[in-house]
C-alpha atoms as a PDB file:
ATOM      1  CA  MET A   1    -216.547 -91.170  13.833  1.00  0.00           C
ATOM      2  CA  LEU A   2    -218.275 -87.822  13.538  1.00  0.00           C
ATOM      3  CA  PRO A   3    -219.262 -86.307  16.886  1.00  0.00           C
ATOM      4  CA  PRO A   4    -222.843 -85.356  17.697  1.00  0.00           C
ATOM      5  CA  VAL A   5    -223.623 -81.856  16.473  1.00  0.00           C
ATOM      6  CA  ASN A   6    -226.423 -80.849  18.758  1.00  0.00           C
ATOM      7  CA  ALA A   7    -227.041 -80.498  22.476  1.00  0.00           C
ATOM      8  CA  SER A   8    -229.117 -83.685  22.617  1.00  0.00           C
ATOM      9  CA  GLY A   9    -226.082 -85.750  21.635  1.00  0.00           C
ATOM     10  CA  GLU A  10    -227.829 -87.115  18.548  1.00  0.00           C
ATOM     11  CA  PHE A  11    -225.573 -89.361  16.494  1.00  0.00           C
ATOM     12  CA  VAL A  12    -225.358 -87.925  12.980  1.00  0.00           C
ATOM     13  CA  GLY A  13    -223.047 -90.341  11.168  1.00  0.00           C
ATOM     14  CA  PHE A  14    -219.553 -91.724  10.930  1.00  0.00           C
ATOM     15  CA  GLU A  15    -216.372 -91.331   8.943  1.00  0.00           C
ATOM     16  CA  GLY A  16    -213.176 -93.294   9.085  1.00  0.00           C
ATOM     17  CA  LEU A  17    -210.532 -95.598   7.669  1.00  0.00           C
ATOM     18  CA  ASN A  18    -211.023 -99.273   6.981  1.00  0.00           C
ATOM     19  CA  ALA A  19    -208.893-102.113   5.633  1.00  0.00           C
ATOM     20  CA  CYS A  20    -210.382-103.112   2.272  1.00  0.00           C
ATOM     21  CA  LYS A  21    -211.821-106.575   1.823  1.00  0.00           C
ATOM     22  CA  PRO A  22    -209.501-108.954  -0.017  1.00  0.00           C
ATOM     23  CA  SER A  23    -212.278-109.569  -2.571  1.00  0.00           C
ATOM     24  CA  LEU A  24    -211.994-106.037  -3.969  1.00  0.00           C
ATOM     25  CA  PRO A  25    -210.026-105.962  -7.238  1.00  0.00           C
ATOM     26  CA  PHE A  26    -207.560-103.339  -5.913  1.00  0.00           C
ATOM     27  CA  SER A  27    -206.820-104.940  -2.526  1.00  0.00           C
ATOM     28  CA  PRO A  28    -204.817-104.763  -0.370  1.00  0.00           C
ATOM     29  CA  CYS A  29    -205.618-101.182   0.495  1.00  0.00           C
ATOM     30  CA  VAL A  30    -207.073 -98.833   3.092  1.00  0.00           C
ATOM     31  CA  GLU A  31    -210.283 -97.026   2.270  1.00  0.00           C
ATOM     32  CA  ILE A  32    -211.810 -93.877   3.646  1.00  0.00           C
ATOM     33  CA  GLY A  33    -215.585 -93.883   3.961  1.00  0.00           C
ATOM     34  CA  TRP A  34    -218.513 -92.084   5.525  1.00  0.00           C
ATOM     35  CA  ARG A  35    -222.246 -92.137   6.171  1.00  0.00           C
ATOM     36  CA  LEU A  36    -224.210 -89.122   7.320  1.00  0.00           C
ATOM     37  CA  ALA A  37    -227.872 -88.644   8.201  1.00  0.00           C
ATOM     38  CA  LYS A  38    -229.519 -86.760   5.358  1.00  0.00           C
ATOM     39  CA  GLN A  39    -230.656 -83.817   7.495  1.00  0.00           C
ATOM     40  CA  TYR A  40    -226.958 -82.990   8.089  1.00  0.00           C
ATOM     41  CA  TRP A  41    -225.860 -83.053   4.437  1.00  0.00           C
ATOM     42  CA  GLY A  42    -224.377 -79.873   3.012  1.00  0.00           C
ATOM     43  CA  ASN A  43    -222.770 -78.571   6.216  1.00  0.00           C
ATOM     44  CA  GLY A  44    -219.193 -79.657   5.507  1.00  0.00           C
ATOM     45  CA  TYR A  45    -219.074 -82.217   8.321  1.00  0.00           C
ATOM     46  CA  VAL A  46    -217.915 -85.102   6.127  1.00  0.00           C
ATOM     47  CA  THR A  47    -215.322 -83.020   4.294  1.00  0.00           C
ATOM     48  CA  GLU A  48    -213.844 -81.777   7.574  1.00  0.00           C
ATOM     49  CA  ALA A  49    -213.784 -85.242   9.143  1.00  0.00           C
ATOM     50  CA  ALA A  50    -212.354 -86.845   5.988  1.00  0.00           C
ATOM     51  CA  ARG A  51    -209.519 -84.322   5.853  1.00  0.00           C
ATOM     52  CA  GLU A  52    -208.610 -85.215   9.426  1.00  0.00           C
ATOM     53  CA  ALA A  53    -208.779 -88.931   8.648  1.00  0.00           C
ATOM     54  CA  LEU A  54    -206.388 -88.450   5.715  1.00  0.00           C
ATOM     55  CA  ARG A  55    -204.090 -86.384   7.930  1.00  0.00           C
ATOM     56  CA  PHE A  56    -204.050 -89.315  10.392  1.00  0.00           C
ATOM     57  CA  ALA A  57    -203.585 -91.879   7.584  1.00  0.00           C
ATOM     58  CA  PHE A  58    -200.578 -90.123   6.116  1.00  0.00           C
ATOM     59  CA  ASN A  59    -198.956 -88.397   9.115  1.00  0.00           C
ATOM     60  CA  THR A  60    -199.564 -90.965  11.864  1.00  0.00           C
ATOM     61  CA  LEU A  61    -200.069 -94.297  10.099  1.00  0.00           C
ATOM     62  CA  ASP A  62    -197.603 -93.363   7.343  1.00  0.00           C
ATOM     63  CA  LEU A  63    -199.759 -95.011   4.672  1.00  0.00           C
ATOM     64  CA  GLY A  64    -198.665 -94.673   1.068  1.00  0.00           C
ATOM     65  CA  GLN A  65    -202.154 -94.461  -0.418  1.00  0.00           C
ATOM     66  CA  VAL A  66    -205.835 -94.282   0.558  1.00  0.00           C
ATOM     67  CA  VAL A  67    -208.755 -95.211  -1.695  1.00  0.00           C
ATOM     68  CA  ALA A  68    -212.457 -94.396  -1.715  1.00  0.00           C
ATOM     69  CA  PHE A  69    -215.271 -95.785  -3.800  1.00  0.00           C
ATOM     70  CA  THR A  70    -218.946 -95.256  -4.377  1.00  0.00           C
ATOM     71  CA  VAL A  71    -221.674 -95.922  -6.909  1.00  0.00           C
ATOM     72  CA  HIS A  72    -221.358 -93.901 -10.113  1.00  0.00           C
ATOM     73  CA  ASN A  73    -224.310 -91.603  -9.440  1.00  0.00           C
ATOM     74  CA  ASN A  74    -223.416 -90.693  -5.829  1.00  0.00           C
ATOM     75  CA  HIS A  75    -222.382 -87.189  -6.847  1.00  0.00           C
ATOM     76  CA  ARG A  76    -222.255 -85.873  -3.263  1.00  0.00           C
ATOM     77  CA  SER A  77    -219.699 -88.453  -2.130  1.00  0.00           C
ATOM     78  CA  ARG A  78    -217.714 -88.037  -5.319  1.00  0.00           C
ATOM     79  CA  ALA A  79    -217.620 -84.266  -4.691  1.00  0.00           C
ATOM     80  CA  VAL A  80    -216.277 -84.884  -1.170  1.00  0.00           C
ATOM     81  CA  MET A  81    -213.607 -87.190  -2.582  1.00  0.00           C
ATOM     82  CA  GLU A  82    -212.507 -84.459  -4.961  1.00  0.00           C
ATOM     83  CA  ARG A  83    -212.614 -81.729  -2.264  1.00  0.00           C
ATOM     84  CA  ILE A  84    -210.275 -83.761  -0.060  1.00  0.00           C
ATOM     85  CA  GLY A  85    -207.795 -84.169  -2.913  1.00  0.00           C
ATOM     86  CA  MET A  86    -208.663 -87.609  -4.238  1.00  0.00           C
ATOM     87  CA  SER A  87    -208.612 -88.339  -7.971  1.00  0.00           C
ATOM     88  CA  GLU A  88    -210.865 -90.616  -9.962  1.00  0.00           C
ATOM     89  CA  THR A  89    -208.815 -93.526 -11.298  1.00  0.00           C
ATOM     90  CA  GLY A  90    -211.050 -94.303 -14.262  1.00  0.00           C
ATOM     91  CA  GLN A  91    -211.472 -97.791 -12.823  1.00  0.00           C
ATOM     92  CA  SER A  92    -215.040 -99.000 -12.457  1.00  0.00           C
ATOM     93  CA  PHE A  93    -215.697-102.288 -10.732  1.00  0.00           C
ATOM     94  CA  GLN A  94    -218.451-104.653  -9.720  1.00  0.00           C
ATOM     95  CA  HIS A  95    -218.777-104.558  -5.925  1.00  0.00           C
ATOM     96  CA  PRO A  96    -218.208-108.139  -4.756  1.00  0.00           C
ATOM     97  CA  ASP A  97    -220.887-107.957  -2.042  1.00  0.00           C
ATOM     98  CA  LEU A  98    -223.708-107.146  -4.480  1.00  0.00           C
ATOM     99  CA  PRO A  99    -225.267-109.233  -7.243  1.00  0.00           C
ATOM    100  CA  GLU A 100    -224.325-108.082 -10.720  1.00  0.00           C
ATOM    101  CA  SER A 101    -227.971-107.211 -11.417  1.00  0.00           C
ATOM    102  CA  HIS A 102    -228.235-104.917  -8.379  1.00  0.00           C
ATOM    103  CA  PRO A 103    -228.648-101.234  -9.361  1.00  0.00           C
ATOM    104  CA  LEU A 104    -225.858-100.217  -6.950  1.00  0.00           C
ATOM    105  CA  SER A 105    -223.369-102.900  -7.977  1.00  0.00           C
ATOM    106  CA  GLN A 106    -221.142-100.779 -10.242  1.00  0.00           C
ATOM    107  CA  HIS A 107    -218.685 -98.561  -8.366  1.00  0.00           C
ATOM    108  CA  VAL A 108    -216.083 -95.969  -9.261  1.00  0.00           C
ATOM    109  CA  LEU A 109    -212.668 -95.833  -7.575  1.00  0.00           C
ATOM    110  CA  TYR A 110    -210.854 -92.740  -6.270  1.00  0.00           C
ATOM    111  CA  LYS A 111    -207.448 -92.575  -4.608  1.00  0.00           C
ATOM    112  CA  THR A 112    -204.796 -90.262  -3.278  1.00  0.00           C
ATOM    113  CA  SER A 113    -201.193 -90.942  -2.427  1.00  0.00           C
ATOM    114  CA  ARG A 114    -199.269 -89.658   0.546  1.00  0.00           C
ATOM    115  CA  GLU A 115    -197.108 -87.582  -1.823  1.00  0.00           C
ATOM    116  CA  ASP A 116    -200.116 -85.975  -3.528  1.00  0.00           C
ATOM    117  CA  TRP A 117    -201.794 -85.271  -0.204  1.00  0.00           C
ATOM    118  CA  LEU A 118    -198.646 -83.695   1.254  1.00  0.00           C
ATOM    119  CA  ARG A 119    -198.198 -81.546  -1.833  1.00  0.00           C
ATOM    120  CA  ILE A 120    -201.693 -80.123  -1.353  1.00  0.00           C
ATOM    121  CA  ASN A 121    -201.788 -80.023   2.465  1.00  0.00           C
ATOM    122  CA  GLY A 122    -198.140 -79.559   3.388  1.00  0.00           C
END
């Protein structure tokens, strides 16, 4: 979870690791995800927190791979995924929790392996 960033203790968002639902076409897996209040976008908070989550995933949990996914047009999240060393897999999928007709139903998958992450982050 991201910590509050101001003196009032206002909650600004969260970031973390989650076991993927079995209904996802690439399960079993562990995903990294985040949500951040819009007024805090563009400050690097998610990128910093996501890097620490990957460090924990690979150094402490000793995971072999972490995935992330989002809707195709979520360019901000996709940019974070790339900044933290994840690569687009070229695999699009219908999110199982949304009706096929829903405008946010099609997602794109990113991933990074422990080996790739260690090569970049030592």
